[in-house]
Amino acid sequence: MSSLKLVAVGALFITFAGAASAATNWDVSHPRRAEVNSRLANQDRRVHQEVRRGEISHAEAARLHRDDHQIRREERLMASQDGGHITRQEDRALNQQENRVSRQIGQ
């Protein structure tokens, strides 16, 4: 029984070590990823600013945040498939999605 526990703990350790090393391969500072993430942060600030001013409701802000969160998840998925980078084509697709959300802020 104890050897089974030892094997299970060892397998768990290897899984976590593999996940940690995979996470370190991500290049968050890659220029295209930095641009996408900077735009998402800017849109987040704009949404909060509009809520404070009373220009949009909390429900509308939540929807815009969900849209931005989906874009961020997609960016991370794309980067995970390309060694921490996103391609120019992926960058264009993400920018188009960000543009759609951006146009909804401040309407």
PDB file of N, CA and C in Angstrom:
ATOM      1  N   MET A   1       0.826  -1.195   0.000  1.00  0.00           N
ATOM      2  CA  MET A   1       0.000   0.000   0.000  1.00  0.00           C
ATOM      3  C   MET A   1       0.865   1.252   0.000  1.00  0.00           C
ATOM      4  N   SER A   2       1.940   1.269   0.800  1.00  0.00           N
ATOM      5  CA  SER A   2       2.787   2.455   0.876  1.00  0.00           C
ATOM      6  C   SER A   2       3.553   2.682  -0.426  1.00  0.00           C
ATOM      7  N   SER A   3       3.926   1.630  -1.120  1.00  0.00           N
ATOM      8  CA  SER A   3       4.623   1.808  -2.395  1.00  0.00           C
ATOM      9  C   SER A   3       3.677   2.390  -3.446  1.00  0.00           C
ATOM     10  N   LEU A   4       2.391   2.040  -3.361  1.00  0.00           N
ATOM     11  CA  LEU A   4       1.410   2.617  -4.266  1.00  0.00           C
ATOM     12  C   LEU A   4       1.265   4.115  -4.015  1.00  0.00           C
ATOM     13  N   LYS A   5       1.274   4.511  -2.745  1.00  0.00           N
ATOM     14  CA  LYS A   5       1.207   5.933  -2.405  1.00  0.00           C
ATOM     15  C   LYS A   5       2.448   6.657  -2.910  1.00  0.00           C
ATOM     16  N   LEU A   6       3.599   6.023  -2.764  1.00  0.00           N
ATOM     17  CA  LEU A   6       4.843   6.630  -3.217  1.00  0.00           C
ATOM     18  C   LEU A   6       4.822   6.851  -4.727  1.00  0.00           C
ATOM     19  N   VAL A   7       4.321   5.881  -5.464  1.00  0.00           N
ATOM     20  CA  VAL A   7       4.224   6.007  -6.915  1.00  0.00           C
ATOM     21  C   VAL A   7       3.246   7.125  -7.283  1.00  0.00           C
ATOM     22  N   ALA A   8       2.129   7.196  -6.575  1.00  0.00           N
ATOM     23  CA  ALA A   8       1.136   8.234  -6.857  1.00  0.00           C
ATOM     24  C   ALA A   8       1.703   9.614  -6.581  1.00  0.00           C
ATOM     25  N   VAL A   9       2.421   9.770  -5.466  1.00  0.00           N
ATOM     26  CA  VAL A   9       3.026  11.057  -5.135  1.00  0.00           C
ATOM     27  C   VAL A   9       4.088  11.419  -6.177  1.00  0.00           C
ATOM     28  N   GLY A  10       4.870  10.437  -6.600  1.00  0.00           N
ATOM     29  CA  GLY A  10       5.885  10.682  -7.627  1.00  0.00           C
ATOM     30  C   GLY A  10       5.263  11.126  -8.941  1.00  0.00           C
ATOM     31  N   ALA A  11       4.171  10.471  -9.333  1.00  0.00           N
ATOM     32  CA  ALA A  11       3.489  10.844 -10.575  1.00  0.00           C
ATOM     33  C   ALA A  11       2.917  12.255 -10.465  1.00  0.00           C
ATOM     34  N   LEU A  12       2.375  12.567  -9.306  1.00  0.00           N
ATOM     35  CA  LEU A  12       1.832  13.906  -9.084  1.00  0.00           C
ATOM     36  C   LEU A  12       2.934  14.958  -9.168  1.00  0.00           C
ATOM     37  N   PHE A  13       4.081  14.672  -8.568  1.00  0.00           N
ATOM     38  CA  PHE A  13       5.222  15.591  -8.610  1.00  0.00           C
ATOM     39  C   PHE A  13       5.680  15.823 -10.043  1.00  0.00           C
ATOM     40  N   ILE A  14       5.769  14.763 -10.817  1.00  0.00           N
ATOM     41  CA  ILE A  14       6.202  14.882 -12.212  1.00  0.00           C
ATOM     42  C   ILE A  14       5.190  15.708 -13.012  1.00  0.00           C
ATOM     43  N   THR A  15       3.911  15.515 -12.742  1.00  0.00           N
ATOM     44  CA  THR A  15       2.876  16.286 -13.430  1.00  0.00           C
ATOM     45  C   THR A  15       3.019  17.766 -13.135  1.00  0.00           C
ATOM     46  N   PHE A  16       3.180  18.112 -11.848  1.00  0.00           N
ATOM     47  CA  PHE A  16       3.336  19.521 -11.482  1.00  0.00           C
ATOM     48  C   PHE A  16       4.627  20.102 -12.029  1.00  0.00           C
ATOM     49  N   ALA A  17       5.701  19.342 -12.014  1.00  0.00           N
ATOM     50  CA  ALA A  17       6.968  19.828 -12.548  1.00  0.00           C
ATOM     51  C   ALA A  17       6.847  20.092 -14.048  1.00  0.00           C
ATOM     52  N   GLY A  18       6.146  19.211 -14.756  1.00  0.00           N
ATOM     53  CA  GLY A  18       5.943  19.404 -16.191  1.00  0.00           C
ATOM     54  C   GLY A  18       5.098  20.628 -16.477  1.00  0.00           C
ATOM     55  N   ALA A  19       4.069  20.808 -15.672  1.00  0.00           N
ATOM     56  CA  ALA A  19       3.214  21.987 -15.861  1.00  0.00           C
ATOM     57  C   ALA A  19       3.976  23.265 -15.565  1.00  0.00           C
ATOM     58  N   ALA A  20       4.815  23.254 -14.554  1.00  0.00           N
ATOM     59  CA  ALA A  20       5.598  24.443 -14.210  1.00  0.00           C
ATOM     60  C   ALA A  20       6.594  24.770 -15.308  1.00  0.00           C
ATOM     61  N   SER A  21       7.237  23.756 -15.872  1.00  0.00           N
ATOM     62  CA  SER A  21       8.202  24.036 -16.936  1.00  0.00           C
ATOM     63  C   SER A  21       7.500  24.507 -18.200  1.00  0.00           C
ATOM     64  N   ALA A  22       6.299  23.991 -18.469  1.00  0.00           N
ATOM     65  CA  ALA A  22       5.547  24.456 -19.632  1.00  0.00           C
ATOM     66  C   ALA A  22       5.148  25.907 -19.465  1.00  0.00           C
ATOM     67  N   ALA A  23       4.818  26.293 -18.247  1.00  0.00           N
ATOM     68  CA  ALA A  23       4.418  27.678 -17.994  1.00  0.00           C
ATOM     69  C   ALA A  23       5.587  28.629 -18.182  1.00  0.00           C
ATOM     70  N   THR A  24       6.798  28.184 -17.899  1.00  0.00           N
ATOM     71  CA  THR A  24       7.942  29.069 -18.042  1.00  0.00           C
ATOM     72  C   THR A  24       8.340  29.263 -19.501  1.00  0.00           C
ATOM     73  N   ASN A  25       7.848  28.439 -20.411  1.00  0.00           N
ATOM     74  CA  ASN A  25       8.163  28.593 -21.830  1.00  0.00           C
ATOM     75  C   ASN A  25       7.364  29.715 -22.480  1.00  0.00           C
ATOM     76  N   TRP A  26       6.360  30.225 -21.790  1.00  0.00           N
ATOM     77  CA  TRP A  26       5.527  31.286 -22.352  1.00  0.00           C
ATOM     78  C   TRP A  26       6.287  32.584 -22.362  1.00  0.00           C
ATOM     79  N   ASP A  27       6.262  33.256 -23.469  1.00  0.00           N
ATOM     80  CA  ASP A  27       6.942  34.541 -23.606  1.00  0.00           C
ATOM     81  C   ASP A  27       5.900  35.651 -23.528  1.00  0.00           C
ATOM     82  N   VAL A  28       5.534  36.023 -22.297  1.00  0.00           N
ATOM     83  CA  VAL A  28       4.498  37.034 -22.092  1.00  0.00           C
ATOM     84  C   VAL A  28       4.936  38.370 -22.667  1.00  0.00           C
ATOM     85  N   SER A  29       6.239  38.604 -22.734  1.00  0.00           N
ATOM     86  CA  SER A  29       6.734  39.890 -23.216  1.00  0.00           C
ATOM     87  C   SER A  29       6.896  39.930 -24.736  1.00  0.00           C
ATOM     88  N   HIS A  30       6.496  38.876 -25.431  1.00  0.00           N
ATOM     89  CA  HIS A  30       6.570  38.891 -26.885  1.00  0.00           C
ATOM     90  C   HIS A  30       5.757  40.086 -27.392  1.00  0.00           C
ATOM     91  N   PRO A  31       6.268  40.847 -28.344  1.00  0.00           N
ATOM     92  CA  PRO A  31       5.610  42.099 -28.756  1.00  0.00           C
ATOM     93  C   PRO A  31       4.141  41.965 -29.127  1.00  0.00           C
ATOM     94  N   ARG A  32       3.776  40.921 -29.859  1.00  0.00           N
ATOM     95  CA  ARG A  32       2.361  40.792 -30.247  1.00  0.00           C
ATOM     96  C   ARG A  32       1.501  40.444 -29.047  1.00  0.00           C
ATOM     97  N   ARG A  33       2.010  39.597 -28.147  1.00  0.00           N
ATOM     98  CA  ARG A  33       1.248  39.272 -26.929  1.00  0.00           C
ATOM     99  C   ARG A  33       1.156  40.495 -26.038  1.00  0.00           C
ATOM    100  N   ALA A  34       2.237  41.251 -25.938  1.00  0.00           N
ATOM    101  CA  ALA A  34       2.232  42.454 -25.097  1.00  0.00           C
ATOM    102  C   ALA A  34       1.213  43.464 -25.629  1.00  0.00           C
ATOM    103  N   GLU A  35       1.123  43.589 -26.953  1.00  0.00           N
ATOM    104  CA  GLU A  35       0.157  44.521 -27.546  1.00  0.00           C
ATOM    105  C   GLU A  35      -1.271  44.108 -27.222  1.00  0.00           C
ATOM    106  N   VAL A  36      -1.575  42.830 -27.413  1.00  0.00           N
ATOM    107  CA  VAL A  36      -2.924  42.334 -27.133  1.00  0.00           C
ATOM    108  C   VAL A  36      -3.266  42.550 -25.662  1.00  0.00           C
ATOM    109  N   ASN A  37      -2.360  42.175 -24.772  1.00  0.00           N
ATOM    110  CA  ASN A  37      -2.636  42.295 -23.341  1.00  0.00           C
ATOM    111  C   ASN A  37      -2.708  43.751 -22.891  1.00  0.00           C
ATOM    112  N   SER A  38      -1.936  44.614 -23.517  1.00  0.00           N
ATOM    113  CA  SER A  38      -2.004  46.038 -23.199  1.00  0.00           C
ATOM    114  C   SER A  38      -3.359  46.612 -23.598  1.00  0.00           C
ATOM    115  N   ARG A  39      -3.827  46.232 -24.775  1.00  0.00           N
ATOM    116  CA  ARG A  39      -5.147  46.704 -25.221  1.00  0.00           C
ATOM    117  C   ARG A  39      -6.247  46.201 -24.304  1.00  0.00           C
ATOM    118  N   LEU A  40      -6.141  44.942 -23.876  1.00  0.00           N
ATOM    119  CA  LEU A  40      -7.156  44.406 -22.975  1.00  0.00           C
ATOM    120  C   LEU A  40      -7.154  45.159 -21.643  1.00  0.00           C
ATOM    121  N   ALA A  41      -5.977  45.477 -21.137  1.00  0.00           N
ATOM    122  CA  ALA A  41      -5.885  46.233 -19.882  1.00  0.00           C
ATOM    123  C   ALA A  41      -6.469  47.629 -20.060  1.00  0.00           C
ATOM    124  N   ASN A  42      -6.197  48.257 -21.196  1.00  0.00           N
ATOM    125  CA  ASN A  42      -6.738  49.587 -21.474  1.00  0.00           C
ATOM    126  C   ASN A  42      -8.270  49.546 -21.558  1.00  0.00           C
ATOM    127  N   GLN A  43      -8.799  48.530 -22.231  1.00  0.00           N
ATOM    128  CA  GLN A  43     -10.249  48.405 -22.325  1.00  0.00           C
ATOM    129  C   GLN A  43     -10.860  48.175 -20.959  1.00  0.00           C
ATOM    130  N   ASP A  44     -10.193  47.414 -20.118  1.00  0.00           N
ATOM    131  CA  ASP A  44     -10.671  47.182 -18.753  1.00  0.00           C
ATOM    132  C   ASP A  44     -10.769  48.510 -17.997  1.00  0.00           C
ATOM    133  N   ARG A  45      -9.731  49.343 -18.123  1.00  0.00           N
ATOM    134  CA  ARG A  45      -9.745  50.666 -17.469  1.00  0.00           C
ATOM    135  C   ARG A  45     -10.884  51.531 -18.010  1.00  0.00           C
ATOM    136  N   ARG A  46     -11.095  51.502 -19.311  1.00  0.00           N
ATOM    137  CA  ARG A  46     -12.162  52.299 -19.911  1.00  0.00           C
ATOM    138  C   ARG A  46     -13.536  51.872 -19.410  1.00  0.00           C
ATOM    139  N   VAL A  47     -13.749  50.560 -19.290  1.00  0.00           N
ATOM    140  CA  VAL A  47     -15.031  50.057 -18.791  1.00  0.00           C
ATOM    141  C   VAL A  47     -15.254  50.541 -17.362  1.00  0.00           C
ATOM    142  N   HIS A  48     -14.242  50.391 -16.509  1.00  0.00           N
ATOM    143  CA  HIS A  48     -14.369  50.839 -15.118  1.00  0.00           C
ATOM    144  C   HIS A  48     -14.649  52.340 -15.054  1.00  0.00           C
ATOM    145  N   GLN A  49     -13.989  53.100 -15.892  1.00  0.00           N
ATOM    146  CA  GLN A  49     -14.177  54.547 -15.919  1.00  0.00           C
ATOM    147  C   GLN A  49     -15.617  54.896 -16.309  1.00  0.00           C
ATOM    148  N   GLU A  50     -16.150  54.199 -17.278  1.00  0.00           N
ATOM    149  CA  GLU A  50     -17.517  54.483 -17.715  1.00  0.00           C
ATOM    150  C   GLU A  50     -18.546  54.084 -16.661  1.00  0.00           C
ATOM    151  N   VAL A  51     -18.269  53.019 -15.914  1.00  0.00           N
ATOM    152  CA  VAL A  51     -19.172  52.638 -14.829  1.00  0.00           C
ATOM    153  C   VAL A  51     -19.159  53.721 -13.757  1.00  0.00           C
ATOM    154  N   ARG A  52     -17.960  54.204 -13.406  1.00  0.00           N
ATOM    155  CA  ARG A  52     -17.854  55.267 -12.388  1.00  0.00           C
ATOM    156  C   ARG A  52     -18.606  56.521 -12.821  1.00  0.00           C
ATOM    157  N   ARG A  53     -18.560  56.833 -14.091  1.00  0.00           N
ATOM    158  CA  ARG A  53     -19.251  58.023 -14.613  1.00  0.00           C
ATOM    159  C   ARG A  53     -20.753  57.795 -14.776  1.00  0.00           C
ATOM    160  N   GLY A  54     -21.179  56.548 -14.652  1.00  0.00           N
ATOM    161  CA  GLY A  54     -22.591  56.234 -14.825  1.00  0.00           C
ATOM    162  C   GLY A  54     -23.007  56.134 -16.277  1.00  0.00           C
ATOM    163  N   GLU A  55     -22.056  55.995 -17.178  1.00  0.00           N
ATOM    164  CA  GLU A  55     -22.353  55.945 -18.609  1.00  0.00           C
ATOM    165  C   GLU A  55     -22.802  54.557 -19.069  1.00  0.00           C
ATOM    166  N   ILE A  56     -22.392  53.527 -18.322  1.00  0.00           N
ATOM    167  CA  ILE A  56     -22.861  52.168 -18.616  1.00  0.00           C
ATOM    168  C   ILE A  56     -23.244  51.509 -17.298  1.00  0.00           C
ATOM    169  N   SER A  57     -24.127  50.527 -17.402  1.00  0.00           N
ATOM    170  CA  SER A  57     -24.592  49.815 -16.210  1.00  0.00           C
ATOM    171  C   SER A  57     -23.563  48.753 -15.797  1.00  0.00           C
ATOM    172  N   HIS A  58     -23.741  48.243 -14.595  1.00  0.00           N
ATOM    173  CA  HIS A  58     -22.863  47.172 -14.121  1.00  0.00           C
ATOM    174  C   HIS A  58     -23.051  45.910 -14.958  1.00  0.00           C
ATOM    175  N   ALA A  59     -24.277  45.671 -15.399  1.00  0.00           N
ATOM    176  CA  ALA A  59     -24.541  44.497 -16.239  1.00  0.00           C
ATOM    177  C   ALA A  59     -23.814  44.615 -17.579  1.00  0.00           C
ATOM    178  N   GLU A  60     -23.853  45.813 -18.168  1.00  0.00           N
ATOM    179  CA  GLU A  60     -23.143  46.031 -19.436  1.00  0.00           C
ATOM    180  C   GLU A  60     -21.639  45.888 -19.231  1.00  0.00           C
ATOM    181  N   ALA A  61     -21.136  46.409 -18.126  1.00  0.00           N
ATOM    182  CA  ALA A  61     -19.709  46.281 -17.822  1.00  0.00           C
ATOM    183  C   ALA A  61     -19.322  44.809 -17.666  1.00  0.00           C
ATOM    184  N   ALA A  62     -20.178  44.046 -16.995  1.00  0.00           N
ATOM    185  CA  ALA A  62     -19.891  42.615 -16.816  1.00  0.00           C
ATOM    186  C   ALA A  62     -19.835  41.907 -18.162  1.00  0.00           C
ATOM    187  N   ARG A  63     -20.735  42.262 -19.078  1.00  0.00           N
ATOM    188  CA  ARG A  63     -20.725  41.648 -20.411  1.00  0.00           C
ATOM    189  C   ARG A  63     -19.454  42.003 -21.166  1.00  0.00           C
ATOM    190  N   LEU A  64     -19.036  43.266 -21.089  1.00  0.00           N
ATOM    191  CA  LEU A  64     -17.805  43.685 -21.767  1.00  0.00           C
ATOM    192  C   LEU A  64     -16.585  42.987 -21.159  1.00  0.00           C
ATOM    193  N   HIS A  65     -16.570  42.837 -19.834  1.00  0.00           N
ATOM    194  CA  HIS A  65     -15.468  42.126 -19.178  1.00  0.00           C
ATOM    195  C   HIS A  65     -15.442  40.662 -19.611  1.00  0.00           C
ATOM    196  N   ARG A  66     -16.614  40.054 -19.747  1.00  0.00           N
ATOM    197  CA  ARG A  66     -16.671  38.657 -20.215  1.00  0.00           C
ATOM    198  C   ARG A  66     -16.111  38.556 -21.629  1.00  0.00           C
ATOM    199  N   ASP A  67     -16.471  39.506 -22.487  1.00  0.00           N
ATOM    200  CA  ASP A  67     -15.951  39.498 -23.861  1.00  0.00           C
ATOM    201  C   ASP A  67     -14.425  39.618 -23.862  1.00  0.00           C
ATOM    202  N   ASP A  68     -13.907  40.545 -23.051  1.00  0.00           N
ATOM    203  CA  ASP A  68     -12.451  40.709 -22.960  1.00  0.00           C
ATOM    204  C   ASP A  68     -11.788  39.463 -22.383  1.00  0.00           C
ATOM    205  N   HIS A  69     -12.434  38.857 -21.396  1.00  0.00           N
ATOM    206  CA  HIS A  69     -11.876  37.644 -20.781  1.00  0.00           C
ATOM    207  C   HIS A  69     -11.799  36.522 -21.825  1.00  0.00           C
ATOM    208  N   GLN A  70     -12.801  36.420 -22.678  1.00  0.00           N
ATOM    209  CA  GLN A  70     -12.786  35.420 -23.735  1.00  0.00           C
ATOM    210  C   GLN A  70     -11.628  35.679 -24.710  1.00  0.00           C
ATOM    211  N   ILE A  71     -11.382  36.928 -25.031  1.00  0.00           N
ATOM    212  CA  ILE A  71     -10.263  37.270 -25.918  1.00  0.00           C
ATOM    213  C   ILE A  71      -8.943  36.882 -25.250  1.00  0.00           C
ATOM    214  N   ARG A  72      -8.822  37.176 -23.960  1.00  0.00           N
ATOM    215  CA  ARG A  72      -7.589  36.821 -23.235  1.00  0.00           C
ATOM    216  C   ARG A  72      -7.396  35.304 -23.213  1.00  0.00           C
ATOM    217  N   ARG A  73      -8.468  34.547 -22.986  1.00  0.00           N
ATOM    218  CA  ARG A  73      -8.357  33.075 -22.999  1.00  0.00           C
ATOM    219  C   ARG A  73      -7.912  32.587 -24.375  1.00  0.00           C
ATOM    220  N   GLU A  74      -8.481  33.183 -25.422  1.00  0.00           N
ATOM    221  CA  GLU A  74      -8.101  32.794 -26.774  1.00  0.00           C
ATOM    222  C   GLU A  74      -6.635  33.127 -27.045  1.00  0.00           C
ATOM    223  N   GLU A  75      -6.182  34.290 -26.577  1.00  0.00           N
ATOM    224  CA  GLU A  75      -4.774  34.687 -26.754  1.00  0.00           C
ATOM    225  C   GLU A  75      -3.861  33.683 -26.062  1.00  0.00           C
ATOM    226  N   ARG A  76      -4.210  33.280 -24.865  1.00  0.00           N
ATOM    227  CA  ARG A  76      -3.386  32.311 -24.126  1.00  0.00           C
ATOM    228  C   ARG A  76      -3.374  30.953 -24.816  1.00  0.00           C
ATOM    229  N   LEU A  77      -4.533  30.546 -25.337  1.00  0.00           N
ATOM    230  CA  LEU A  77      -4.596  29.273 -26.061  1.00  0.00           C
ATOM    231  C   LEU A  77      -3.718  29.325 -27.306  1.00  0.00           C
ATOM    232  N   MET A  78      -3.815  30.411 -28.046  1.00  0.00           N
ATOM    233  CA  MET A  78      -2.986  30.563 -29.246  1.00  0.00           C
ATOM    234  C   MET A  78      -1.506  30.525 -28.891  1.00  0.00           C
ATOM    235  N   ALA A  79      -1.134  31.229 -27.832  1.00  0.00           N
ATOM    236  CA  ALA A  79       0.272  31.264 -27.420  1.00  0.00           C
ATOM    237  C   ALA A  79       0.750  29.899 -26.955  1.00  0.00           C
ATOM    238  N   SER A  80      -0.115  29.156 -26.303  1.00  0.00           N
ATOM    239  CA  SER A  80       0.293  27.840 -25.804  1.00  0.00           C
ATOM    240  C   SER A  80       0.581  26.870 -26.941  1.00  0.00           C
ATOM    241  N   GLN A  81       0.017  27.144 -28.095  1.00  0.00           N
ATOM    242  CA  GLN A  81       0.220  26.267 -29.250  1.00  0.00           C
ATOM    243  C   GLN A  81       1.424  26.675 -30.088  1.00  0.00           C
ATOM    244  N   ASP A  82       2.082  27.788 -29.730  1.00  0.00           N
ATOM    245  CA  ASP A  82       3.198  28.271 -30.541  1.00  0.00           C
ATOM    246  C   ASP A  82       4.363  28.722 -29.666  1.00  0.00           C
ATOM    247  N   GLY A  83       4.645  27.984 -28.624  1.00  0.00           N
ATOM    248  CA  GLY A  83       5.815  28.269 -27.806  1.00  0.00           C
ATOM    249  C   GLY A  83       5.789  29.622 -27.120  1.00  0.00           C
ATOM    250  N   GLY A  84       4.615  30.115 -26.790  1.00  0.00           N
ATOM    251  CA  GLY A  84       4.519  31.378 -26.074  1.00  0.00           C
ATOM    252  C   GLY A  84       4.345  32.587 -26.960  1.00  0.00           C
ATOM    253  N   HIS A  85       4.281  32.378 -28.258  1.00  0.00           N
ATOM    254  CA  HIS A  85       4.097  33.488 -29.201  1.00  0.00           C
ATOM    255  C   HIS A  85       2.736  33.393 -29.860  1.00  0.00           C
ATOM    256  N   ILE A  86       2.311  34.487 -30.457  1.00  0.00           N
ATOM    257  CA  ILE A  86       1.150  34.444 -31.342  1.00  0.00           C
ATOM    258  C   ILE A  86       1.609  34.946 -32.708  1.00  0.00           C
ATOM    259  N   THR A  87       1.026  34.381 -33.740  1.00  0.00           N
ATOM    260  CA  THR A  87       1.419  34.748 -35.102  1.00  0.00           C
ATOM    261  C   THR A  87       0.793  36.087 -35.486  1.00  0.00           C
ATOM    262  N   ARG A  88       1.243  36.642 -36.591  1.00  0.00           N
ATOM    263  CA  ARG A  88       0.652  37.893 -37.081  1.00  0.00           C
ATOM    264  C   ARG A  88      -0.823  37.712 -37.411  1.00  0.00           C
ATOM    265  N   GLN A  89      -1.142  36.572 -37.997  1.00  0.00           N
ATOM    266  CA  GLN A  89      -2.536  36.295 -38.348  1.00  0.00           C
ATOM    267  C   GLN A  89      -3.390  36.199 -37.080  1.00  0.00           C
ATOM    268  N   GLU A  90      -2.890  35.523 -36.053  1.00  0.00           N
ATOM    269  CA  GLU A  90      -3.621  35.433 -34.789  1.00  0.00           C
ATOM    270  C   GLU A  90      -3.755  36.816 -34.148  1.00  0.00           C
ATOM    271  N   ASP A  91      -2.691  37.614 -34.240  1.00  0.00           N
ATOM    272  CA  ASP A  91      -2.720  38.972 -33.708  1.00  0.00           C
ATOM    273  C   ASP A  91      -3.815  39.797 -34.395  1.00  0.00           C
ATOM    274  N   ARG A  92      -3.902  39.683 -35.713  1.00  0.00           N
ATOM    275  CA  ARG A  92      -4.942  40.408 -36.452  1.00  0.00           C
ATOM    276  C   ARG A  92      -6.338  39.970 -36.015  1.00  0.00           C
ATOM    277  N   ALA A  93      -6.526  38.663 -35.848  1.00  0.00           N
ATOM    278  CA  ALA A  93      -7.837  38.150 -35.431  1.00  0.00           C
ATOM    279  C   ALA A  93      -8.200  38.665 -34.040  1.00  0.00           C
ATOM    280  N   LEU A  94      -7.233  38.654 -33.126  1.00  0.00           N
ATOM    281  CA  LEU A  94      -7.488  39.153 -31.772  1.00  0.00           C
ATOM    282  C   LEU A  94      -7.764  40.654 -31.786  1.00  0.00           C
ATOM    283  N   ASN A  95      -7.019  41.396 -32.615  1.00  0.00           N
ATOM    284  CA  ASN A  95      -7.250  42.842 -32.718  1.00  0.00           C
ATOM    285  C   ASN A  95      -8.644  43.150 -33.256  1.00  0.00           C
ATOM    286  N   GLN A  96      -9.116  42.361 -34.202  1.00  0.00           N
ATOM    287  CA  GLN A  96     -10.468  42.573 -34.721  1.00  0.00           C
ATOM    288  C   GLN A  96     -11.507  42.356 -33.614  1.00  0.00           C
ATOM    289  N   GLN A  97     -11.292  41.326 -32.798  1.00  0.00           N
ATOM    290  CA  GLN A  97     -12.209  41.076 -31.686  1.00  0.00           C
ATOM    291  C   GLN A  97     -12.143  42.220 -30.673  1.00  0.00           C
ATOM    292  N   GLU A  98     -10.925  42.693 -30.384  1.00  0.00           N
ATOM    293  CA  GLU A  98     -10.767  43.811 -29.449  1.00  0.00           C
ATOM    294  C   GLU A  98     -11.427  45.075 -30.004  1.00  0.00           C
ATOM    295  N   ASN A  99     -11.326  45.288 -31.309  1.00  0.00           N
ATOM    296  CA  ASN A  99     -11.960  46.454 -31.931  1.00  0.00           C
ATOM    297  C   ASN A  99     -13.472  46.419 -31.745  1.00  0.00           C
ATOM    298  N   ARG A 100     -14.067  45.225 -31.898  1.00  0.00           N
ATOM    299  CA  ARG A 100     -15.518  45.105 -31.716  1.00  0.00           C
ATOM    300  C   ARG A 100     -15.914  45.462 -30.285  1.00  0.00           C
ATOM    301  N   VAL A 101     -15.168  44.970 -29.312  1.00  0.00           N
ATOM    302  CA  VAL A 101     -15.467  45.282 -27.908  1.00  0.00           C
ATOM    303  C   VAL A 101     -15.220  46.753 -27.655  1.00  0.00           C
ATOM    304  N   SER A 102     -14.134  47.289 -28.183  1.00  0.00           N
ATOM    305  CA  SER A 102     -13.783  48.691 -27.966  1.00  0.00           C
ATOM    306  C   SER A 102     -14.874  49.632 -28.469  1.00  0.00           C
ATOM    307  N   ARG A 103     -15.442  49.297 -29.622  1.00  0.00           N
ATOM    308  CA  ARG A 103     -16.516  50.125 -30.176  1.00  0.00           C
ATOM    309  C   ARG A 103     -17.759  50.123 -29.293  1.00  0.00           C
ATOM    310  N   GLN A 104     -17.950  49.067 -28.515  1.00  0.00           N
ATOM    311  CA  GLN A 104     -19.111  48.969 -27.625  1.00  0.00           C
ATOM    312  C   GLN A 104     -18.912  49.781 -26.348  1.00  0.00           C
ATOM    313  N   ILE A 105     -17.664  50.098 -26.033  1.00  0.00           N
ATOM    314  CA  ILE A 105     -17.370  50.907 -24.852  1.00  0.00           C
ATOM    315  C   ILE A 105     -17.594  52.365 -25.260  1.00  0.00           C
ATOM    316  N   GLY A 106     -18.410  53.068 -24.523  1.00  0.00           N
ATOM    317  CA  GLY A 106     -18.607  54.474 -24.792  1.00  0.00           C
ATOM    318  C   GLY A 106     -19.691  54.788 -25.797  1.00  0.00           C
ATOM    319  N   GLN A 107     -20.536  53.829 -26.092  1.00  0.00           N
ATOM    320  CA  GLN A 107     -21.620  54.100 -27.028  1.00  0.00           C
ATOM    321  C   GLN A 107     -22.742  54.818 -26.346  1.00  0.00           C
TER     322      GLN A 107
END
